[in-house]
Amino acid sequence: MDAILKWKKERRLFLIWLTILSIIFYLSLPIALAIIPEWMNASPIGSITWAWIYAFLQVIMTWIIGWIYWIKAKQLDKLVAQIKQEASE
């Protein structure tokens, strides 16, 4: 029973933090465009603005979040396998 509670706690904590960080990261672009449009329209590299750079970073961040989720899911799957093994004994 302790393993099930550990699994639930780890899963819940991971999903809460991942959700909070994702919301903050993804909502910061529209918020920044609304609050500081002059800075977001500035061009640090040629004609590419900060808004485009941040938007591209969101694509990269999506892949990173997926990779982190995949790694954590593998860890939680091992814990589930351990729970199943303990239950069958």
Protein backbone atom coordinates (compact mmCIF):
# COMPACT_ATOMS: atom_id res chain seq x y z
CA MET A 1 0.00 0.00 0.00
CA ASP A 2 2.87 2.37 0.68
CA ALA A 3 4.10 1.99 -2.89
CA ILE A 4 0.71 3.03 -4.25
CA LEU A 5 0.67 6.13 -2.06
CA LYS A 6 4.22 6.93 -3.13
CA TRP A 7 3.23 6.57 -6.79
CA LYS A 8 0.20 8.81 -6.34
CA LYS A 9 2.22 11.45 -4.49
CA GLU A 10 5.06 11.49 -7.04
CA ARG A 11 2.65 11.60 -9.98
CA ARG A 12 0.52 14.37 -8.50
CA LEU A 13 3.53 16.49 -7.50
CA PHE A 14 5.13 16.09 -10.92
CA LEU A 15 1.95 16.97 -12.81
CA ILE A 16 1.22 19.99 -10.62
CA TRP A 17 4.70 21.46 -11.11
CA LEU A 18 4.77 20.68 -14.82
CA THR A 19 1.36 22.29 -15.29
CA ILE A 20 2.26 25.42 -13.32
CA LEU A 21 5.55 25.92 -15.16
CA SER A 22 3.94 25.28 -18.54
CA ILE A 23 1.14 27.76 -17.91
CA ILE A 24 3.60 30.42 -16.79
CA PHE A 25 5.89 29.83 -19.77
CA TYR A 26 3.20 29.69 -22.44
CA LEU A 27 1.08 32.57 -21.13
CA SER A 28 4.06 34.88 -20.75
CA LEU A 29 4.23 35.50 -24.53
CA PRO A 30 0.75 37.02 -24.90
CA ILE A 31 1.18 38.87 -21.61
CA ALA A 32 4.53 40.27 -22.73
CA LEU A 33 3.04 41.28 -26.07
CA ALA A 34 0.29 43.15 -24.24
CA ILE A 35 2.47 44.80 -21.58
CA ILE A 36 5.73 45.53 -23.38
CA PRO A 37 5.00 45.50 -27.14
CA GLU A 38 7.88 47.89 -27.89
CA TRP A 39 10.43 45.48 -26.45
CA MET A 40 8.84 42.41 -28.03
CA ASN A 41 8.92 44.14 -31.45
CA ALA A 42 12.60 45.07 -31.09
CA SER A 43 14.96 43.22 -33.43
CA PRO A 44 18.05 41.80 -31.73
CA ILE A 45 19.08 39.75 -34.80
CA GLY A 46 18.37 41.26 -38.20
CA SER A 47 14.63 41.44 -38.76
CA ILE A 48 13.77 38.71 -36.20
CA THR A 49 11.93 40.19 -33.22
CA TRP A 50 11.96 39.04 -29.59
CA ALA A 51 8.38 37.82 -30.06
CA TRP A 52 9.47 35.44 -32.83
CA ILE A 53 12.41 34.22 -30.78
CA TYR A 54 10.14 33.52 -27.81
CA ALA A 55 7.60 31.80 -30.04
CA PHE A 56 10.34 29.56 -31.43
CA LEU A 57 11.47 28.81 -27.87
CA GLN A 58 7.95 27.62 -27.14
CA VAL A 59 8.30 24.97 -29.85
CA ILE A 60 11.60 23.83 -28.33
CA MET A 61 10.06 23.91 -24.85
CA THR A 62 7.22 21.67 -26.04
CA TRP A 63 9.76 19.03 -27.06
CA ILE A 64 11.63 19.42 -23.76
CA ILE A 65 8.43 19.06 -21.74
CA GLY A 66 7.52 15.95 -23.72
CA TRP A 67 10.98 14.50 -23.09
CA ILE A 68 10.79 15.24 -19.35
CA TYR A 69 7.31 13.71 -19.19
CA TRP A 70 8.56 10.61 -21.03
CA ILE A 71 11.43 10.15 -18.56
CA LYS A 72 9.16 10.61 -15.53
CA ALA A 73 6.56 8.25 -17.02
CA LYS A 74 9.22 5.55 -17.36
CA GLN A 75 10.14 6.02 -13.68
CA LEU A 76 6.50 5.84 -12.63
CA ASP A 77 5.94 2.76 -14.82
CA LYS A 78 8.75 0.99 -12.94
CA LEU A 79 7.01 1.86 -9.70
CA VAL A 80 3.71 0.48 -11.06
CA ALA A 81 5.47 -2.74 -12.09
CA GLN A 82 6.86 -3.01 -8.57
CA ILE A 83 3.37 -2.49 -7.13
CA LYS A 84 1.96 -5.20 -9.40
CA GLN A 85 4.73 -7.58 -8.38
CA GLU A 86 4.08 -6.94 -4.68
CA ALA A 87 0.34 -7.45 -5.20
CA SER A 88 0.83 -10.82 -6.88
CA GLU A 89 2.99 -12.15 -4.05
